[in-house]
Amino acid sequence: MIKRKKIDLSAKPVFDQYLQNQDNSTYNFTNMYLWAGDDKITYCETDGCLALFFLWGKQPLSASYPVGDGDKRAAVRSLSAYLCEQGICPVFRNLSASMAEELQDMFPDCFKFTADRDAADYIYETDKLIHLSGKKLHGKRNHLNYFKNTYAYEYKTLKESDMADCLALFDKWFDEKESMKLLSSSREATVKLLSGFGQLPVRGGGIYVDGEMVAFSIGEPVSQDTALIHVEFAADIRGAFNVINQEFCAREWADYLYVNREEDMGLPGLRQAKLAYRPVRLLEKFNAVQVKPL
């Protein structure tokens, strides 16, 4: 029987049982905890698997692909039946390519698959983010070098006691972004991350100039070779974003081959910024709409 549950910090041990080596940023406890909101994201355990439920905007309730070592075929049937009981056409969201292939193999022609470009994760080579090598990253190097040549800065690995500095910088950044004021969920998620820093499996790095924080970033390892960046903010200073990006990767993630900087949510400015750093690939995500009985 499906029972949807809230995602709070007490749910982390449950997620840890099922989520190992998941490069797809959707299947990450920290992300789901940060963006759960007022039950916008919930979870359940069924048939030895874990699944998420999404309730965004005007879209009806949908589910994730079940993860874990349980019976995925049975879990998909259970999730489908639950959604049907709610009077909803079953839709499974944010499937990686391998998940979509597995679902198609289990239930041939029962689902219609559509790529969701807005949800695709941007994957970068860590070494490229550290060294910014190549002609295509020439502009990024210029901004980075300007900052380094202009400011005597300090990089600091952040502790829980530094979260007040992060919040002050974030609030200043947020207040200056008129377009972001409509996205109250963004502030809510960031505040949850900062307040839960000591209880989440995350690392943080900050850039200080004359004792004042001007940039910070927070992320976590999600697989043997990939780190996931949750947030990155900087003051309106030329090169500040570039230096926190480089220093955070060099100081915290140099032992990982890749950095996942998550999706662009379809925001044109964010997409342009993420593409400008030349990702090595996009981790595609697919939505699966059930078109036949299982």
Protein backbone atom coordinates (compact mmCIF):
# COMPACT_ATOMS: atom_id res chain seq x y z
CA MET A 1 0.00 0.00 0.00
CA ILE A 2 1.40 3.39 -1.00
CA LYS A 3 1.82 5.88 1.84
CA ARG A 4 3.28 9.27 0.90
CA LYS A 5 5.58 10.76 3.52
CA LYS A 6 7.10 14.18 4.15
CA ILE A 7 10.78 14.73 3.37
CA ASP A 8 12.46 16.12 6.46
CA LEU A 9 15.87 15.50 7.99
CA SER A 10 14.59 12.38 9.77
CA ALA A 11 14.04 10.80 6.32
CA LYS A 12 17.74 10.87 5.42
CA PRO A 13 18.54 7.36 6.78
CA VAL A 14 15.68 5.99 4.68
CA PHE A 15 16.99 7.64 1.50
CA ASP A 16 20.50 6.42 2.29
CA GLN A 17 19.28 2.82 2.05
CA TYR A 18 18.29 3.29 -1.59
CA LEU A 19 20.43 6.05 -3.10
CA GLN A 20 23.98 5.09 -3.98
CA ASN A 21 26.03 6.37 -6.91
CA GLN A 22 23.17 8.38 -8.44
CA ASP A 23 24.57 11.06 -10.76
CA ASN A 24 21.04 12.27 -11.61
CA SER A 25 20.50 15.27 -9.31
CA THR A 26 16.82 14.40 -8.84
CA TYR A 27 17.76 11.28 -6.89
CA ASN A 28 19.63 13.09 -4.15
CA PHE A 29 18.33 13.47 -0.61
CA THR A 30 19.69 16.98 -0.06
CA ASN A 31 18.05 18.28 -3.24
CA MET A 32 14.69 16.70 -2.45
CA TYR A 33 14.81 17.97 1.14
CA LEU A 34 15.62 21.50 0.03
CA TRP A 35 12.87 21.72 -2.57
CA ALA A 36 10.16 19.67 -0.82
CA GLY A 37 8.32 22.82 0.26
CA ASP A 38 4.79 22.23 1.49
CA ASP A 39 4.67 18.62 0.31
CA LYS A 40 5.64 19.59 -3.24
CA ILE A 41 7.90 16.57 -3.09
CA THR A 42 7.08 13.52 -0.96
CA TYR A 43 8.31 9.94 -0.94
CA CYS A 44 7.23 6.38 -0.34
CA GLU A 45 8.71 2.92 0.03
CA THR A 46 7.12 0.18 -2.04
CA ASP A 47 8.18 -3.28 -3.20
CA GLY A 48 11.66 -2.81 -1.77
CA CYS A 49 12.20 0.47 -3.63
CA LEU A 50 12.03 4.18 -2.93
CA ALA A 51 10.01 6.54 -5.11
CA LEU A 52 9.33 10.26 -5.10
CA PHE A 53 6.12 12.14 -5.79
CA PHE A 54 6.07 15.58 -7.40
CA LEU A 55 3.32 18.18 -7.14
CA TRP A 56 4.48 21.32 -8.96
CA GLY A 57 2.33 24.24 -10.04
CA LYS A 58 -0.73 23.19 -11.97
CA GLN A 59 0.66 19.79 -12.91
CA PRO A 60 -1.12 16.80 -11.39
CA LEU A 61 0.68 14.48 -9.02
CA SER A 62 3.43 12.44 -10.70
CA ALA A 63 6.08 9.97 -9.57
CA SER A 64 9.75 9.26 -10.03
CA TYR A 65 11.22 6.01 -11.26
CA PRO A 66 11.65 3.62 -8.30
CA VAL A 67 15.23 3.16 -7.12
CA GLY A 68 16.88 0.53 -4.95
CA ASP A 69 17.42 -3.22 -5.07
CA GLY A 70 13.77 -4.20 -4.80
CA ASP A 71 11.28 -5.36 -7.43
CA LYS A 72 11.10 -2.36 -9.80
CA ARG A 73 8.50 -3.98 -12.02
CA ALA A 74 6.18 -4.44 -9.04
CA ALA A 75 7.01 -0.93 -7.78
CA VAL A 76 6.09 0.66 -11.13
CA ARG A 77 2.77 -1.23 -11.08
CA SER A 78 2.10 -0.08 -7.50
CA LEU A 79 2.89 3.55 -8.30
CA SER A 80 0.81 3.43 -11.47
CA ALA A 81 -2.15 1.94 -9.61
CA TYR A 82 -1.87 4.59 -6.87
CA LEU A 83 -1.95 7.43 -9.39
CA CYS A 84 -4.88 5.85 -11.21
CA GLU A 85 -6.74 5.61 -7.91
CA GLN A 86 -6.33 9.39 -7.59
CA GLY A 87 -7.93 9.79 -11.02
CA ILE A 88 -4.58 10.77 -12.56
CA CYS A 89 -2.94 9.49 -15.72
CA PRO A 90 0.34 7.97 -14.46
CA VAL A 91 3.41 10.03 -15.33
CA PHE A 92 6.95 9.20 -14.23
CA ARG A 93 9.35 12.17 -14.26
CA ASN A 94 13.09 12.84 -14.30
CA LEU A 95 14.20 9.45 -15.54
CA SER A 96 17.80 9.14 -16.67
CA ALA A 97 18.36 7.45 -20.02
CA SER A 98 19.13 4.10 -18.38
CA MET A 99 15.94 4.30 -16.30
CA ALA A 100 13.86 5.09 -19.40
CA GLU A 101 15.41 2.13 -21.21
CA GLU A 102 14.75 -0.16 -18.27
CA LEU A 103 11.12 0.96 -18.04
CA GLN A 104 10.62 0.40 -21.78
CA ASP A 105 12.12 -3.09 -21.50
CA MET A 106 9.83 -3.99 -18.59
CA PHE A 107 6.66 -2.61 -20.19
CA PRO A 108 7.16 -2.40 -23.98
CA ASP A 109 5.17 0.39 -25.64
CA CYS A 110 3.22 1.16 -22.46
CA PHE A 111 4.85 4.56 -22.05
CA LYS A 112 5.49 7.57 -24.24
CA PHE A 113 8.88 9.11 -23.45
CA THR A 114 9.71 12.80 -23.84
CA ALA A 115 13.05 14.46 -23.11
CA ASP A 116 12.81 17.35 -20.64
CA ARG A 117 15.59 19.74 -21.68
CA ASP A 118 14.87 22.15 -18.82
CA ALA A 119 15.66 19.39 -16.30
CA ALA A 120 18.90 18.13 -17.90
CA ASP A 121 21.92 18.22 -15.58
CA TYR A 122 25.10 19.96 -16.72
CA ILE A 123 28.15 17.72 -16.26
CA TYR A 124 31.65 19.27 -16.36
CA GLU A 125 35.16 17.88 -16.18
CA THR A 126 36.56 19.00 -12.82
CA ASP A 127 40.01 19.59 -14.29
CA LYS A 128 38.57 21.96 -16.90
CA LEU A 129 36.76 23.97 -14.22
CA ILE A 130 39.99 24.25 -12.25
CA HIS A 131 42.33 25.20 -15.08
CA LEU A 132 39.87 26.80 -17.55
CA SER A 133 42.02 25.50 -20.39
CA GLY A 134 41.25 26.08 -24.06
CA LYS A 135 40.20 29.00 -26.24
CA LYS A 136 36.50 28.58 -25.48
CA LEU A 137 37.11 29.41 -21.81
CA HIS A 138 39.33 32.40 -22.53
CA GLY A 139 36.69 34.87 -21.31
CA LYS A 140 36.28 32.99 -18.02
CA ARG A 141 40.04 33.08 -17.48
CA ASN A 142 40.06 36.84 -18.05
CA HIS A 143 37.43 37.42 -15.36
CA LEU A 144 39.21 35.03 -12.99
CA ASN A 145 42.59 36.70 -13.50
CA TYR A 146 41.08 40.15 -13.04
CA PHE A 147 39.74 39.15 -9.63
CA LYS A 148 42.99 37.48 -8.59
CA ASN A 149 45.08 40.45 -9.72
CA THR A 150 42.79 43.01 -8.10
CA TYR A 151 41.90 41.54 -4.72
CA ALA A 152 43.92 39.97 -1.92
CA TYR A 153 41.42 37.23 -1.13
CA GLU A 154 41.24 34.23 1.17
CA TYR A 155 39.56 30.89 0.46
CA LYS A 156 37.98 29.25 3.49
CA THR A 157 36.49 25.79 3.91
CA LEU A 158 33.21 26.60 5.61
CA LYS A 159 31.92 25.40 8.95
CA GLU A 160 28.45 25.57 10.43
CA SER A 161 29.44 28.78 12.21
CA ASP A 162 30.04 30.45 8.83
CA MET A 163 26.47 30.02 7.63
CA ALA A 164 25.48 33.45 8.94
CA ASP A 165 27.97 34.99 6.50
CA CYS A 166 26.46 32.92 3.69
CA LEU A 167 22.92 33.98 4.54
CA ALA A 168 23.87 37.66 4.65
CA LEU A 169 25.53 37.42 1.23
CA PHE A 170 22.66 35.41 -0.24
CA ASP A 171 20.03 37.87 1.01
CA LYS A 172 21.98 40.77 -0.51
CA TRP A 173 22.30 38.89 -3.81
CA PHE A 174 18.64 37.87 -3.75
CA ASP A 175 17.38 41.40 -3.02
CA GLU A 176 19.29 42.72 -6.02
CA LYS A 177 17.74 40.18 -8.40
CA GLU A 178 14.29 41.48 -9.27
CA SER A 179 13.54 38.41 -11.38
CA MET A 180 14.29 36.11 -8.43
CA LYS A 181 11.82 37.70 -6.04
CA LEU A 182 9.04 35.72 -7.68
CA LEU A 183 10.93 32.51 -6.88
CA SER A 184 10.37 32.47 -3.14
CA SER A 185 11.06 28.73 -3.19
CA SER A 186 14.67 29.53 -4.12
CA ARG A 187 15.19 31.49 -0.92
CA GLU A 188 13.38 28.88 1.13
CA ALA A 189 15.61 26.12 -0.27
CA THR A 190 18.79 28.08 0.35
CA VAL A 191 17.80 28.93 3.93
CA LYS A 192 17.07 25.23 4.57
CA LEU A 193 20.49 24.31 3.19
CA LEU A 194 22.32 26.85 5.34
CA SER A 195 20.38 26.06 8.51
CA GLY A 196 20.82 22.31 7.99
CA PHE A 197 24.49 22.52 6.96
CA GLY A 198 25.74 20.53 9.94
CA GLN A 199 23.21 17.74 9.42
CA LEU A 200 23.61 17.28 5.67
CA PRO A 201 26.47 15.49 3.83
CA VAL A 202 27.68 18.73 2.24
CA ARG A 203 30.88 20.77 2.01
CA GLY A 204 31.14 24.52 1.61
CA GLY A 205 33.74 26.99 0.47
CA GLY A 206 33.85 30.77 0.74
CA ILE A 207 35.86 33.64 -0.69
CA TYR A 208 36.68 36.52 1.67
CA VAL A 209 38.09 39.95 0.84
CA ASP A 210 39.18 42.13 3.77
CA GLY A 211 37.38 39.76 6.13
CA GLU A 212 34.04 39.97 4.30
CA MET A 213 32.53 37.06 2.40
CA VAL A 214 32.05 37.87 -1.29
CA ALA A 215 31.22 34.39 -2.63
CA PHE A 216 30.32 30.91 -1.43
CA SER A 217 29.39 27.51 -2.82
CA ILE A 218 28.03 24.32 -1.27
CA GLY A 219 28.01 20.80 -2.73
CA GLU A 220 28.42 17.13 -1.94
CA PRO A 221 29.82 13.92 -3.45
CA VAL A 222 27.09 11.82 -5.08
CA SER A 223 29.07 9.00 -6.68
CA GLN A 224 32.60 7.64 -6.82
CA ASP A 225 33.58 10.14 -9.51
CA THR A 226 31.04 12.99 -9.35
CA ALA A 227 30.35 15.92 -7.04
CA LEU A 228 27.05 17.82 -7.10
CA ILE A 229 26.93 21.60 -6.60
CA HIS A 230 23.79 22.75 -4.81
CA VAL A 231 24.32 26.50 -4.61
CA GLU A 232 26.79 29.15 -5.73
CA PHE A 233 26.40 32.85 -4.98
CA ALA A 234 28.67 35.87 -5.25
CA ALA A 235 28.62 39.61 -4.78
CA ASP A 236 28.37 41.81 -7.85
CA ILE A 237 32.14 41.91 -8.30
CA ARG A 238 33.83 41.06 -11.57
CA GLY A 239 35.32 37.58 -11.35
CA ALA A 240 33.76 36.64 -7.99
CA PHE A 241 31.65 33.84 -9.46
CA ASN A 242 34.64 32.62 -11.46
CA VAL A 243 36.96 32.46 -8.48
CA ILE A 244 34.54 30.58 -6.19
CA ASN A 245 33.83 28.13 -9.00
CA GLN A 246 37.54 27.46 -9.56
CA GLU A 247 38.66 27.47 -5.93
CA PHE A 248 35.78 25.30 -4.71
CA CYS A 249 36.59 22.66 -7.33
CA ALA A 250 40.34 22.85 -6.71
CA ARG A 251 40.10 22.74 -2.89
CA GLU A 252 37.20 20.34 -2.38
CA TRP A 253 36.60 18.27 -5.54
CA ALA A 254 39.97 17.75 -7.23
CA ASP A 255 39.73 14.00 -6.53
CA TYR A 256 36.49 13.73 -8.52
CA LEU A 257 36.46 13.49 -12.31
CA TYR A 258 33.19 15.35 -12.80
CA VAL A 259 31.09 18.13 -11.33
CA ASN A 260 27.32 18.17 -11.79
CA ARG A 261 26.01 21.74 -11.68
CA GLU A 262 22.36 20.69 -11.97
CA GLU A 263 19.70 21.92 -14.39
CA ASP A 264 18.86 25.39 -15.73
CA MET A 265 15.08 25.13 -15.12
CA GLY A 266 14.51 26.64 -18.55
CA LEU A 267 15.76 30.07 -17.43
CA PRO A 268 17.52 31.67 -20.45
CA GLY A 269 20.16 33.53 -18.42
CA LEU A 270 21.02 30.49 -16.35
CA ARG A 271 21.20 28.30 -19.45
CA GLN A 272 23.57 30.72 -21.14
CA ALA A 273 25.78 30.87 -18.04
CA LYS A 274 25.96 27.08 -17.71
CA LEU A 275 26.66 26.51 -21.39
CA ALA A 276 29.42 29.12 -21.27
CA TYR A 277 31.46 26.83 -19.01
CA ARG A 278 31.36 24.15 -21.73
CA PRO A 279 29.86 21.05 -20.11
CA VAL A 280 31.33 17.76 -21.26
CA ARG A 281 27.77 16.43 -21.55
CA LEU A 282 24.19 16.97 -20.52
CA LEU A 283 22.65 14.28 -18.36
CA GLU A 284 19.31 13.96 -20.12
CA LYS A 285 16.11 13.38 -18.17
CA PHE A 286 12.91 11.96 -19.55
CA ASN A 287 9.25 11.99 -18.60
CA ALA A 288 7.24 8.84 -19.22
CA VAL A 289 3.47 9.08 -19.74
CA GLN A 290 1.60 5.82 -19.43
CA VAL A 291 -0.43 5.17 -22.58
CA LYS A 292 -1.43 1.52 -22.09
CA PRO A 293 -2.40 -0.62 -19.09
CA LEU A 294 0.53 -2.39 -17.42
